[in-house]
């Protein structure tokens, strides 16, 4: 089962579904004001998770298209459960995810392997074989 989840990037789909749709749906049933829902869920939780997901995708060397999953899931949740003026925050989520994805370099050993492949240089580092 875990092999299928990893093969189809199930962890990213699950994060997008839970944070993007399930949490806004559950917030409908709380007594928290709409202002605090928007500030804490959208500005704090979504933006931090967008950065973490973008970083995580890059560090595990997954395809860059997965960066779109979290913002699209958040947009669906915003569209279904929030007023129209917050739809644009899904674009900010995309920007933060993409920025975290782009600014995160690959792990050192992968970068050295890639360099040795392109240049023909063999690094003298014991952990790279």
Foldseek 3Di string as FASTA:
>chain_A
DVVVCVVVVVVLLVLLQCLQAVVLVVVVPDPDDPVCCCCCSLVPVLLVVLLVQLLVCQQVVHDPVSSLSNLVSNLVNCVVRHDPVCSCSSVVSSVNSPVSNVVHHYPPQVVQVVVCVVPVDDDPDVVHD
